[in-house]
Amino acid sequence: MTGKKLLRLAFLLVALGFGAWAIAGQWSRVADAFSGLSWPLLGCSLVAVLAALVSGMLMWRALLADLGSPLRFTDAAKVFFVGQLGKYIPGSLWPVLAQMEMGKDLGVPRPRSAAAFFLTYPIYLATGLLVALLTLPAFAGASVSQYAWLLLLLPVLVAGLHPKVVNTALAFGLKLLKRPPLERPPTRRGLLTSAGWAFAGWAAYGAHLALIVAGLGATGGRALALSAGAFALAWCLGFIVVIAPAGAGVREVAMVAALAPVLDGGTAIAAALCSRLVVSAGDLVCAATAGAAARRAEPVPAATRGD
């Protein structure tokens, strides 16, 4: 086994270890809540999370294709999902470093991988804040008023995602890193396509939380809307507050506040912790499935394909 393969295996084992530790560390806190949820309901919640994660991968894949490196579904899934396990390792750069390294084997230049990776976050933030704006004020009201300042970021993010602004920022960043400019800068169509996949992901995440909330006693249209807004708000806040890996702790506080109109404090905490556990399990399932599928299929370098 070569040194590169050993390094990748070590990354995968460390990431899987931290991911498993994250799940095990939460189990004692959510065991009682899980006992009140049926396995079919939890299975449907996990399926919704998998759909959300696949939407996130397709968003990143659309950005990469727009930048000039279209990847086959299985290859893109392996690079994205295995790389995303790095978010469970303390430190913010592990996912992008892993994606850059694995993408290089498929003919994707490292600057292009980095550009696609970093573009996903403002798109996630802008679309997530929009989902929160459309769902929470009317249904949650005062319970989330302390997070209203987040909405001030929305017009800034929307303006910042204009192709001219994005291209200027990317060119400036690459210049600082003494890297050549991108051969194909992002286009309006590529950014809108990736935003569409982001909205699909938020819908699926909302569905996964709504299933958990329903199992804990809150049903109906209000609970469904609050679940979508609660997850989006929690993710956005967890991303902005980067002290804890993968937004641990911060997201749960915001989610509990957003669910307060339909669940009491203790039950809302249980819902938030169950959600994190299901999402963590989804990360591991996607990484394992994508890695196995890509191993069976011969990789197709992006540079050699015309589609």
C-alpha atoms as a PDB file:
ATOM      1  CA  MET A   1       0.000   0.000   0.000  1.00  0.00           C
ATOM      2  CA  THR A   2       1.404   3.379  -1.018  1.00  0.00           C
ATOM      3  CA  GLY A   3       1.961   6.266   1.361  1.00  0.00           C
ATOM      4  CA  LYS A   4      -0.946   8.200  -0.192  1.00  0.00           C
ATOM      5  CA  LYS A   5      -3.332   5.291   0.343  1.00  0.00           C
ATOM      6  CA  LEU A   6      -2.131   4.870   3.928  1.00  0.00           C
ATOM      7  CA  LEU A   7      -2.712   8.572   4.582  1.00  0.00           C
ATOM      8  CA  ARG A   8      -6.244   8.378   3.174  1.00  0.00           C
ATOM      9  CA  LEU A   9      -6.988   5.243   5.176  1.00  0.00           C
ATOM     10  CA  ALA A  10      -5.772   6.997   8.323  1.00  0.00           C
ATOM     11  CA  PHE A  11      -8.017   9.995   7.567  1.00  0.00           C
ATOM     12  CA  LEU A  12     -11.010   7.731   7.013  1.00  0.00           C
ATOM     13  CA  LEU A  13     -10.409   5.773  10.218  1.00  0.00           C
ATOM     14  CA  VAL A  14      -9.955   8.929  12.293  1.00  0.00           C
ATOM     15  CA  ALA A  15     -13.047  10.545  10.784  1.00  0.00           C
ATOM     16  CA  LEU A  16     -15.128   7.413  11.300  1.00  0.00           C
ATOM     17  CA  GLY A  17     -13.838   7.190  14.854  1.00  0.00           C
ATOM     18  CA  PHE A  18     -14.871  10.744  15.655  1.00  0.00           C
ATOM     19  CA  GLY A  19     -18.228  10.213  13.921  1.00  0.00           C
ATOM     20  CA  ALA A  20     -18.926   7.044  15.907  1.00  0.00           C
ATOM     21  CA  TRP A  21     -17.816   8.806  19.090  1.00  0.00           C
ATOM     22  CA  ALA A  22     -20.246  11.652  18.360  1.00  0.00           C
ATOM     23  CA  ILE A  23     -23.099   9.151  18.062  1.00  0.00           C
ATOM     24  CA  ALA A  24     -22.093   7.115  21.119  1.00  0.00           C
ATOM     25  CA  GLY A  25     -21.619  10.241  23.214  1.00  0.00           C
ATOM     26  CA  GLN A  26     -25.206  11.313  22.579  1.00  0.00           C
ATOM     27  CA  TRP A  27     -26.877   7.937  23.000  1.00  0.00           C
ATOM     28  CA  SER A  28     -27.291   8.095  26.779  1.00  0.00           C
ATOM     29  CA  ARG A  29     -29.008  11.487  26.426  1.00  0.00           C
ATOM     30  CA  VAL A  30     -31.454  10.387  23.744  1.00  0.00           C
ATOM     31  CA  ALA A  31     -32.159   6.789  24.777  1.00  0.00           C
ATOM     32  CA  ASP A  32     -35.412   7.701  26.561  1.00  0.00           C
ATOM     33  CA  ALA A  33     -36.616   9.794  23.640  1.00  0.00           C
ATOM     34  CA  PHE A  34     -35.769   7.033  21.192  1.00  0.00           C
ATOM     35  CA  SER A  35     -37.780   4.555  23.241  1.00  0.00           C
ATOM     36  CA  GLY A  36     -40.870   6.630  22.472  1.00  0.00           C
ATOM     37  CA  LEU A  37     -40.220   6.689  18.729  1.00  0.00           C
ATOM     38  CA  SER A  38     -41.106   3.765  16.485  1.00  0.00           C
ATOM     39  CA  TRP A  39     -38.411   2.192  14.356  1.00  0.00           C
ATOM     40  CA  PRO A  40     -40.407   2.732  11.133  1.00  0.00           C
ATOM     41  CA  LEU A  41     -40.631   6.435  11.974  1.00  0.00           C
ATOM     42  CA  LEU A  42     -36.904   6.627  12.690  1.00  0.00           C
ATOM     43  CA  GLY A  43     -36.222   4.750   9.475  1.00  0.00           C
ATOM     44  CA  CYS A  44     -38.281   7.271   7.487  1.00  0.00           C
ATOM     45  CA  SER A  45     -36.460  10.112   9.252  1.00  0.00           C
ATOM     46  CA  LEU A  46     -33.118   8.590   8.262  1.00  0.00           C
ATOM     47  CA  VAL A  47     -34.293   8.240   4.644  1.00  0.00           C
ATOM     48  CA  ALA A  48     -35.204  11.946   4.651  1.00  0.00           C
ATOM     49  CA  VAL A  49     -31.722  12.784   5.968  1.00  0.00           C
ATOM     50  CA  LEU A  50     -30.135  10.674   3.240  1.00  0.00           C
ATOM     51  CA  ALA A  51     -32.186  12.579   0.653  1.00  0.00           C
ATOM     52  CA  ALA A  52     -30.975  15.866   2.171  1.00  0.00           C
ATOM     53  CA  LEU A  53     -27.357  14.745   2.114  1.00  0.00           C
ATOM     54  CA  VAL A  54     -27.633  13.612  -1.503  1.00  0.00           C
ATOM     55  CA  SER A  55     -29.125  17.021  -2.361  1.00  0.00           C
ATOM     56  CA  GLY A  56     -26.106  18.648  -0.744  1.00  0.00           C
ATOM     57  CA  MET A  57     -23.787  16.473  -2.810  1.00  0.00           C
ATOM     58  CA  LEU A  58     -25.673  17.369  -5.986  1.00  0.00           C
ATOM     59  CA  MET A  59     -25.377  21.052  -5.097  1.00  0.00           C
ATOM     60  CA  TRP A  60     -21.589  20.700  -4.794  1.00  0.00           C
ATOM     61  CA  ARG A  61     -21.474  18.569  -7.968  1.00  0.00           C
ATOM     62  CA  ALA A  62     -23.404  21.252  -9.894  1.00  0.00           C
ATOM     63  CA  LEU A  63     -20.916  23.897  -8.763  1.00  0.00           C
ATOM     64  CA  LEU A  64     -17.978  21.717  -9.749  1.00  0.00           C
ATOM     65  CA  ALA A  65     -19.485  21.061 -13.182  1.00  0.00           C
ATOM     66  CA  ASP A  66     -20.121  24.782 -13.641  1.00  0.00           C
ATOM     67  CA  LEU A  67     -16.451  25.399 -12.876  1.00  0.00           C
ATOM     68  CA  GLY A  68     -15.431  22.917 -15.582  1.00  0.00           C
ATOM     69  CA  SER A  69     -15.126  19.545 -13.813  1.00  0.00           C
ATOM     70  CA  PRO A  70     -18.265  17.408 -14.271  1.00  0.00           C
ATOM     71  CA  LEU A  71     -18.079  14.203 -12.271  1.00  0.00           C
ATOM     72  CA  ARG A  72     -19.989  10.967 -12.550  1.00  0.00           C
ATOM     73  CA  PHE A  73     -22.558  10.557  -9.745  1.00  0.00           C
ATOM     74  CA  THR A  74     -20.689   7.740  -7.980  1.00  0.00           C
ATOM     75  CA  ASP A  75     -17.324   9.526  -8.156  1.00  0.00           C
ATOM     76  CA  ALA A  76     -18.820  12.789  -6.920  1.00  0.00           C
ATOM     77  CA  ALA A  77     -20.581  10.970  -4.087  1.00  0.00           C
ATOM     78  CA  LYS A  78     -17.368   9.315  -2.914  1.00  0.00           C
ATOM     79  CA  VAL A  79     -15.359  12.544  -2.935  1.00  0.00           C
ATOM     80  CA  PHE A  80     -18.105  14.557  -1.249  1.00  0.00           C
ATOM     81  CA  PHE A  81     -19.343  12.147   1.404  1.00  0.00           C
ATOM     82  CA  VAL A  82     -16.001  10.702   2.460  1.00  0.00           C
ATOM     83  CA  GLY A  83     -14.577  14.216   2.555  1.00  0.00           C
ATOM     84  CA  GLN A  84     -17.502  15.453   4.653  1.00  0.00           C
ATOM     85  CA  LEU A  85     -16.604  13.008   7.419  1.00  0.00           C
ATOM     86  CA  GLY A  86     -13.742  15.387   8.130  1.00  0.00           C
ATOM     87  CA  LYS A  87     -16.182  17.787   9.807  1.00  0.00           C
ATOM     88  CA  TYR A  88     -16.218  15.460  12.813  1.00  0.00           C
ATOM     89  CA  ILE A  89     -12.463  15.925  13.282  1.00  0.00           C
ATOM     90  CA  PRO A  90     -11.596  19.078  15.268  1.00  0.00           C
ATOM     91  CA  GLY A  91     -10.444  21.757  12.820  1.00  0.00           C
ATOM     92  CA  SER A  92     -12.319  23.381   9.960  1.00  0.00           C
ATOM     93  CA  LEU A  93     -10.183  22.449   6.951  1.00  0.00           C
ATOM     94  CA  TRP A  94     -10.306  18.649   6.961  1.00  0.00           C
ATOM     95  CA  PRO A  95     -13.316  18.317   4.592  1.00  0.00           C
ATOM     96  CA  VAL A  96     -11.899  20.618   1.911  1.00  0.00           C
ATOM     97  CA  LEU A  97      -8.422  19.094   2.151  1.00  0.00           C
ATOM     98  CA  ALA A  98      -9.879  15.608   1.748  1.00  0.00           C
ATOM     99  CA  GLN A  99     -12.045  16.644  -1.212  1.00  0.00           C
ATOM    100  CA  MET A 100      -9.124  18.396  -2.900  1.00  0.00           C
ATOM    101  CA  GLU A 101      -6.934  15.319  -2.554  1.00  0.00           C
ATOM    102  CA  MET A 102      -9.540  12.822  -3.766  1.00  0.00           C
ATOM    103  CA  GLY A 103     -10.728  15.131  -6.534  1.00  0.00           C
ATOM    104  CA  LYS A 104      -7.187  15.448  -7.853  1.00  0.00           C
ATOM    105  CA  ASP A 105      -7.218  11.736  -8.723  1.00  0.00           C
ATOM    106  CA  LEU A 106     -10.267  12.406 -10.913  1.00  0.00           C
ATOM    107  CA  GLY A 107      -8.624  15.251 -12.798  1.00  0.00           C
ATOM    108  CA  VAL A 108     -10.145  18.068 -10.727  1.00  0.00           C
ATOM    109  CA  PRO A 109      -7.604  20.847 -10.047  1.00  0.00           C
ATOM    110  CA  ARG A 110      -7.247  21.600  -6.359  1.00  0.00           C
ATOM    111  CA  PRO A 111      -8.227  25.314  -6.694  1.00  0.00           C
ATOM    112  CA  ARG A 112     -11.416  24.227  -8.461  1.00  0.00           C
ATOM    113  CA  SER A 113     -12.269  21.764  -5.693  1.00  0.00           C
ATOM    114  CA  ALA A 114     -11.617  24.429  -3.078  1.00  0.00           C
ATOM    115  CA  ALA A 115     -13.763  26.985  -4.931  1.00  0.00           C
ATOM    116  CA  ALA A 116     -16.717  24.568  -5.177  1.00  0.00           C
ATOM    117  CA  PHE A 117     -16.358  23.636  -1.500  1.00  0.00           C
ATOM    118  CA  PHE A 118     -16.284  27.193  -0.209  1.00  0.00           C
ATOM    119  CA  LEU A 119     -19.147  28.305  -2.480  1.00  0.00           C
ATOM    120  CA  THR A 120     -21.483  25.729  -0.924  1.00  0.00           C
ATOM    121  CA  TYR A 121     -21.520  27.538   2.413  1.00  0.00           C
ATOM    122  CA  PRO A 122     -22.816  30.984   1.384  1.00  0.00           C
ATOM    123  CA  ILE A 123     -25.409  29.200  -0.748  1.00  0.00           C
ATOM    124  CA  TYR A 124     -26.459  27.048   2.197  1.00  0.00           C
ATOM    125  CA  LEU A 125     -26.547  30.119   4.456  1.00  0.00           C
ATOM    126  CA  ALA A 126     -28.585  32.255   2.054  1.00  0.00           C
ATOM    127  CA  THR A 127     -31.134  29.532   1.280  1.00  0.00           C
ATOM    128  CA  GLY A 128     -31.313  28.376   4.907  1.00  0.00           C
ATOM    129  CA  LEU A 129     -31.933  31.883   6.211  1.00  0.00           C
ATOM    130  CA  LEU A 130     -34.637  32.335   3.585  1.00  0.00           C
ATOM    131  CA  VAL A 131     -36.333  29.115   4.749  1.00  0.00           C
ATOM    132  CA  ALA A 132     -36.150  30.343   8.356  1.00  0.00           C
ATOM    133  CA  LEU A 133     -37.577  33.732   7.355  1.00  0.00           C
ATOM    134  CA  LEU A 134     -40.512  32.123   5.540  1.00  0.00           C
ATOM    135  CA  THR A 135     -41.424  29.734   8.364  1.00  0.00           C
ATOM    136  CA  LEU A 136     -40.437  30.996  11.805  1.00  0.00           C
ATOM    137  CA  PRO A 137     -41.708  34.588  12.283  1.00  0.00           C
ATOM    138  CA  ALA A 138     -45.371  33.636  11.759  1.00  0.00           C
ATOM    139  CA  PHE A 139     -45.250  30.374  13.743  1.00  0.00           C
ATOM    140  CA  ALA A 140     -42.548  30.828  16.403  1.00  0.00           C
ATOM    141  CA  GLY A 141     -42.626  34.560  17.088  1.00  0.00           C
ATOM    142  CA  ALA A 142     -40.977  35.620  20.342  1.00  0.00           C
ATOM    143  CA  SER A 143     -39.300  32.259  20.953  1.00  0.00           C
ATOM    144  CA  VAL A 144     -36.757  32.964  18.193  1.00  0.00           C
ATOM    145  CA  SER A 145     -36.596  36.751  18.439  1.00  0.00           C
ATOM    146  CA  GLN A 146     -33.057  36.586  19.857  1.00  0.00           C
ATOM    147  CA  TYR A 147     -31.904  35.192  16.520  1.00  0.00           C
ATOM    148  CA  ALA A 148     -33.468  37.934  14.388  1.00  0.00           C
ATOM    149  CA  TRP A 149     -30.026  39.459  13.808  1.00  0.00           C
ATOM    150  CA  LEU A 150     -29.207  36.512  11.551  1.00  0.00           C
ATOM    151  CA  LEU A 151     -31.681  37.807   8.989  1.00  0.00           C
ATOM    152  CA  LEU A 152     -29.504  40.882   8.498  1.00  0.00           C
ATOM    153  CA  LEU A 153     -27.066  38.565   6.740  1.00  0.00           C
ATOM    154  CA  LEU A 154     -29.614  37.512   4.107  1.00  0.00           C
ATOM    155  CA  PRO A 155     -29.452  40.544   1.787  1.00  0.00           C
ATOM    156  CA  VAL A 156     -25.664  40.598   2.139  1.00  0.00           C
ATOM    157  CA  LEU A 157     -25.448  36.933   1.160  1.00  0.00           C
ATOM    158  CA  VAL A 158     -27.864  37.290  -1.755  1.00  0.00           C
ATOM    159  CA  ALA A 159     -25.915  40.272  -3.100  1.00  0.00           C
ATOM    160  CA  GLY A 160     -22.658  38.445  -2.502  1.00  0.00           C
ATOM    161  CA  LEU A 161     -23.812  35.498  -4.613  1.00  0.00           C
ATOM    162  CA  HIS A 162     -24.098  37.594  -7.752  1.00  0.00           C
ATOM    163  CA  PRO A 163     -21.708  36.027 -10.303  1.00  0.00           C
ATOM    164  CA  LYS A 164     -19.633  39.217 -10.607  1.00  0.00           C
ATOM    165  CA  VAL A 165     -19.148  39.412  -6.822  1.00  0.00           C
ATOM    166  CA  VAL A 166     -18.388  35.687  -6.545  1.00  0.00           C
ATOM    167  CA  ASN A 167     -15.851  35.808  -9.361  1.00  0.00           C
ATOM    168  CA  THR A 168     -14.143  38.882  -7.935  1.00  0.00           C
ATOM    169  CA  ALA A 169     -13.871  37.270  -4.499  1.00  0.00           C
ATOM    170  CA  LEU A 170     -12.529  33.993  -5.906  1.00  0.00           C
ATOM    171  CA  ALA A 171      -9.983  35.792  -8.079  1.00  0.00           C
ATOM    172  CA  PHE A 172      -8.808  37.848  -5.110  1.00  0.00           C
ATOM    173  CA  GLY A 173      -8.497  34.760  -2.898  1.00  0.00           C
ATOM    174  CA  LEU A 174      -6.539  32.825  -5.515  1.00  0.00           C
ATOM    175  CA  LYS A 175      -4.275  35.810  -6.051  1.00  0.00           C
ATOM    176  CA  LEU A 176      -3.515  35.961  -2.334  1.00  0.00           C
ATOM    177  CA  LEU A 177      -2.652  32.257  -2.449  1.00  0.00           C
ATOM    178  CA  LYS A 178      -0.500  32.891  -5.551  1.00  0.00           C
ATOM    179  CA  ARG A 179      -2.656  30.561  -7.618  1.00  0.00           C
ATOM    180  CA  PRO A 180      -3.772  31.135 -11.226  1.00  0.00           C
ATOM    181  CA  PRO A 181      -7.375  32.315 -11.751  1.00  0.00           C
ATOM    182  CA  LEU A 182     -10.118  29.801 -12.478  1.00  0.00           C
ATOM    183  CA  GLU A 183     -10.365  28.759 -16.120  1.00  0.00           C
ATOM    184  CA  ARG A 184     -14.167  28.861 -15.936  1.00  0.00           C
ATOM    185  CA  PRO A 185     -15.626  31.189 -13.291  1.00  0.00           C
ATOM    186  CA  PRO A 186     -19.075  30.414 -11.822  1.00  0.00           C
ATOM    187  CA  THR A 187     -22.100  31.387 -13.883  1.00  0.00           C
ATOM    188  CA  ARG A 188     -25.577  32.554 -12.919  1.00  0.00           C
ATOM    189  CA  ARG A 189     -27.046  29.274 -14.141  1.00  0.00           C
ATOM    190  CA  GLY A 190     -24.624  27.207 -12.067  1.00  0.00           C
ATOM    191  CA  LEU A 191     -25.296  29.207  -8.913  1.00  0.00           C
ATOM    192  CA  LEU A 192     -29.077  29.012  -9.381  1.00  0.00           C
ATOM    193  CA  THR A 193     -28.919  25.260 -10.014  1.00  0.00           C
ATOM    194  CA  SER A 194     -26.919  24.726  -6.838  1.00  0.00           C
ATOM    195  CA  ALA A 195     -29.377  26.936  -4.902  1.00  0.00           C
ATOM    196  CA  GLY A 196     -32.211  24.741  -6.172  1.00  0.00           C
ATOM    197  CA  TRP A 197     -30.516  21.646  -4.777  1.00  0.00           C
ATOM    198  CA  ALA A 198     -29.949  23.493  -1.497  1.00  0.00           C
ATOM    199  CA  PHE A 199     -33.687  24.208  -1.156  1.00  0.00           C
ATOM    200  CA  ALA A 200     -34.412  20.535  -1.875  1.00  0.00           C
ATOM    201  CA  GLY A 201     -32.029  19.646   0.934  1.00  0.00           C
ATOM    202  CA  TRP A 202     -33.729  21.996   3.403  1.00  0.00           C
ATOM    203  CA  ALA A 203     -37.100  20.474   2.540  1.00  0.00           C
ATOM    204  CA  ALA A 204     -35.767  16.978   3.251  1.00  0.00           C
ATOM    205  CA  TYR A 205     -34.098  18.081   6.495  1.00  0.00           C
ATOM    206  CA  GLY A 206     -37.375  19.663   7.580  1.00  0.00           C
ATOM    207  CA  ALA A 207     -39.201  16.409   6.827  1.00  0.00           C
ATOM    208  CA  HIS A 208     -36.731  14.385   8.911  1.00  0.00           C
ATOM    209  CA  LEU A 209     -37.220  16.664  11.929  1.00  0.00           C
ATOM    210  CA  ALA A 210     -40.998  16.809  11.433  1.00  0.00           C
ATOM    211  CA  LEU A 211     -41.136  13.007  11.667  1.00  0.00           C
ATOM    212  CA  ILE A 212     -39.255  13.078  14.969  1.00  0.00           C
ATOM    213  CA  VAL A 213     -41.423  15.917  16.279  1.00  0.00           C
ATOM    214  CA  ALA A 214     -44.577  14.019  15.260  1.00  0.00           C
ATOM    215  CA  GLY A 215     -43.340  10.941  17.103  1.00  0.00           C
ATOM    216  CA  LEU A 216     -42.922  13.083  20.205  1.00  0.00           C
ATOM    217  CA  GLY A 217     -46.482  14.368  20.024  1.00  0.00           C
ATOM    218  CA  ALA A 218     -46.583  17.475  17.778  1.00  0.00           C
ATOM    219  CA  THR A 219     -48.340  17.092  14.443  1.00  0.00           C
ATOM    220  CA  GLY A 220     -50.025  19.322  11.894  1.00  0.00           C
ATOM    221  CA  GLY A 221     -49.006  22.073   9.513  1.00  0.00           C
ATOM    222  CA  ARG A 222     -47.578  24.324  12.227  1.00  0.00           C
ATOM    223  CA  ALA A 223     -45.254  21.602  13.498  1.00  0.00           C
ATOM    224  CA  LEU A 224     -44.168  20.845   9.929  1.00  0.00           C
ATOM    225  CA  ALA A 225     -43.351  24.495   9.183  1.00  0.00           C
ATOM    226  CA  LEU A 226     -41.534  24.930  12.487  1.00  0.00           C
ATOM    227  CA  SER A 227     -39.489  21.789  11.858  1.00  0.00           C
ATOM    228  CA  ALA A 228     -38.264  23.142   8.521  1.00  0.00           C
ATOM    229  CA  GLY A 229     -37.450  26.546   9.977  1.00  0.00           C
ATOM    230  CA  ALA A 230     -35.929  25.121  13.157  1.00  0.00           C
ATOM    231  CA  PHE A 231     -33.442  22.939  11.321  1.00  0.00           C
ATOM    232  CA  ALA A 232     -32.478  25.709   8.896  1.00  0.00           C
ATOM    233  CA  LEU A 233     -32.027  28.241  11.705  1.00  0.00           C
ATOM    234  CA  ALA A 234     -30.037  25.764  13.790  1.00  0.00           C
ATOM    235  CA  TRP A 235     -27.711  24.887  10.921  1.00  0.00           C
ATOM    236  CA  CYS A 236     -27.054  28.516  10.002  1.00  0.00           C
ATOM    237  CA  LEU A 237     -26.323  29.498  13.595  1.00  0.00           C
ATOM    238  CA  GLY A 238     -24.145  26.436  14.117  1.00  0.00           C
ATOM    239  CA  PHE A 239     -22.115  27.313  11.031  1.00  0.00           C
ATOM    240  CA  ILE A 240     -21.591  30.917  12.074  1.00  0.00           C
ATOM    241  CA  VAL A 241     -20.572  29.952  15.609  1.00  0.00           C
ATOM    242  CA  VAL A 242     -17.627  27.744  14.663  1.00  0.00           C
ATOM    243  CA  ILE A 243     -16.275  27.018  18.129  1.00  0.00           C
ATOM    244  CA  ALA A 244     -17.563  23.438  18.227  1.00  0.00           C
ATOM    245  CA  PRO A 245     -17.015  20.810  15.489  1.00  0.00           C
ATOM    246  CA  ALA A 246     -20.059  20.491  13.183  1.00  0.00           C
ATOM    247  CA  GLY A 247     -21.945  23.093  15.255  1.00  0.00           C
ATOM    248  CA  ALA A 248     -22.309  20.785  18.263  1.00  0.00           C
ATOM    249  CA  GLY A 249     -24.411  22.270  21.071  1.00  0.00           C
ATOM    250  CA  VAL A 250     -25.130  25.610  19.381  1.00  0.00           C
ATOM    251  CA  ARG A 251     -27.560  24.096  16.907  1.00  0.00           C
ATOM    252  CA  GLU A 252     -29.526  22.310  19.595  1.00  0.00           C
ATOM    253  CA  VAL A 253     -30.156  25.530  21.562  1.00  0.00           C
ATOM    254  CA  ALA A 254     -31.562  27.279  18.479  1.00  0.00           C
ATOM    255  CA  MET A 255     -33.642  24.258  17.499  1.00  0.00           C
ATOM    256  CA  VAL A 256     -35.201  24.014  20.955  1.00  0.00           C
ATOM    257  CA  ALA A 257     -36.149  27.706  20.829  1.00  0.00           C
ATOM    258  CA  ALA A 258     -37.748  27.332  17.403  1.00  0.00           C
ATOM    259  CA  LEU A 259     -39.739  24.253  18.465  1.00  0.00           C
ATOM    260  CA  ALA A 260     -40.948  25.833  21.712  1.00  0.00           C
ATOM    261  CA  PRO A 261     -44.445  26.662  20.359  1.00  0.00           C
ATOM    262  CA  VAL A 262     -45.238  22.973  19.782  1.00  0.00           C
ATOM    263  CA  LEU A 263     -43.002  21.095  22.261  1.00  0.00           C
ATOM    264  CA  ASP A 264     -42.143  21.713  25.908  1.00  0.00           C
ATOM    265  CA  GLY A 265     -38.495  22.314  26.790  1.00  0.00           C
ATOM    266  CA  GLY A 266     -37.544  18.749  27.705  1.00  0.00           C
ATOM    267  CA  THR A 267     -39.260  17.212  24.693  1.00  0.00           C
ATOM    268  CA  ALA A 268     -37.768  19.812  22.343  1.00  0.00           C
ATOM    269  CA  ILE A 269     -34.294  18.998  23.677  1.00  0.00           C
ATOM    270  CA  ALA A 270     -34.964  15.320  23.022  1.00  0.00           C
ATOM    271  CA  ALA A 271     -36.074  16.125  19.462  1.00  0.00           C
ATOM    272  CA  ALA A 272     -32.930  18.189  18.830  1.00  0.00           C
ATOM    273  CA  LEU A 273     -30.627  15.471  20.139  1.00  0.00           C
ATOM    274  CA  CYS A 274     -32.457  12.750  18.202  1.00  0.00           C
ATOM    275  CA  SER A 275     -32.101  14.877  15.070  1.00  0.00           C
ATOM    276  CA  ARG A 276     -28.352  15.224  15.535  1.00  0.00           C
ATOM    277  CA  LEU A 277     -28.027  11.471  16.061  1.00  0.00           C
ATOM    278  CA  VAL A 278     -30.003  10.640  12.904  1.00  0.00           C
ATOM    279  CA  VAL A 279     -28.011  13.172  10.852  1.00  0.00           C
ATOM    280  CA  SER A 280     -24.718  11.756  12.139  1.00  0.00           C
ATOM    281  CA  ALA A 281     -25.879   8.247  11.232  1.00  0.00           C
ATOM    282  CA  GLY A 282     -26.791   9.543   7.774  1.00  0.00           C
ATOM    283  CA  ASP A 283     -23.283  10.929   7.292  1.00  0.00           C
ATOM    284  CA  LEU A 284     -21.771   7.534   8.067  1.00  0.00           C
ATOM    285  CA  VAL A 285     -24.248   5.655   5.840  1.00  0.00           C
ATOM    286  CA  CYS A 286     -23.623   7.982   2.890  1.00  0.00           C
ATOM    287  CA  ALA A 287     -19.835   7.787   3.240  1.00  0.00           C
ATOM    288  CA  ALA A 288     -19.868   3.980   3.484  1.00  0.00           C
ATOM    289  CA  THR A 289     -22.316   3.536   0.591  1.00  0.00           C
ATOM    290  CA  ALA A 290     -20.575   6.028  -1.697  1.00  0.00           C
ATOM    291  CA  GLY A 291     -17.154   4.556  -0.971  1.00  0.00           C
ATOM    292  CA  ALA A 292     -18.347   1.021  -1.715  1.00  0.00           C
ATOM    293  CA  ALA A 293     -20.108   2.063  -4.933  1.00  0.00           C
ATOM    294  CA  ALA A 294     -17.110   4.017  -6.199  1.00  0.00           C
ATOM    295  CA  ARG A 295     -14.788   1.108  -5.399  1.00  0.00           C
ATOM    296  CA  ARG A 296     -16.862  -1.187  -7.627  1.00  0.00           C
ATOM    297  CA  ALA A 297     -17.016   1.362 -10.470  1.00  0.00           C
ATOM    298  CA  GLU A 298     -13.904   2.405 -12.359  1.00  0.00           C
ATOM    299  CA  PRO A 299     -13.273   6.136 -11.755  1.00  0.00           C
ATOM    300  CA  VAL A 300     -13.711   8.396 -14.765  1.00  0.00           C
ATOM    301  CA  PRO A 301     -11.448  11.476 -14.639  1.00  0.00           C
ATOM    302  CA  ALA A 302     -13.393  14.693 -15.135  1.00  0.00           C
ATOM    303  CA  ALA A 303     -10.818  16.019 -17.591  1.00  0.00           C
ATOM    304  CA  THR A 304     -11.461  13.184 -20.060  1.00  0.00           C
ATOM    305  CA  ARG A 305     -15.218  13.500 -20.274  1.00  0.00           C
ATOM    306  CA  GLY A 306     -17.183  15.724 -22.530  1.00  0.00           C
ATOM    307  CA  ASP A 307     -20.573  15.594 -20.755  1.00  0.00           C
END
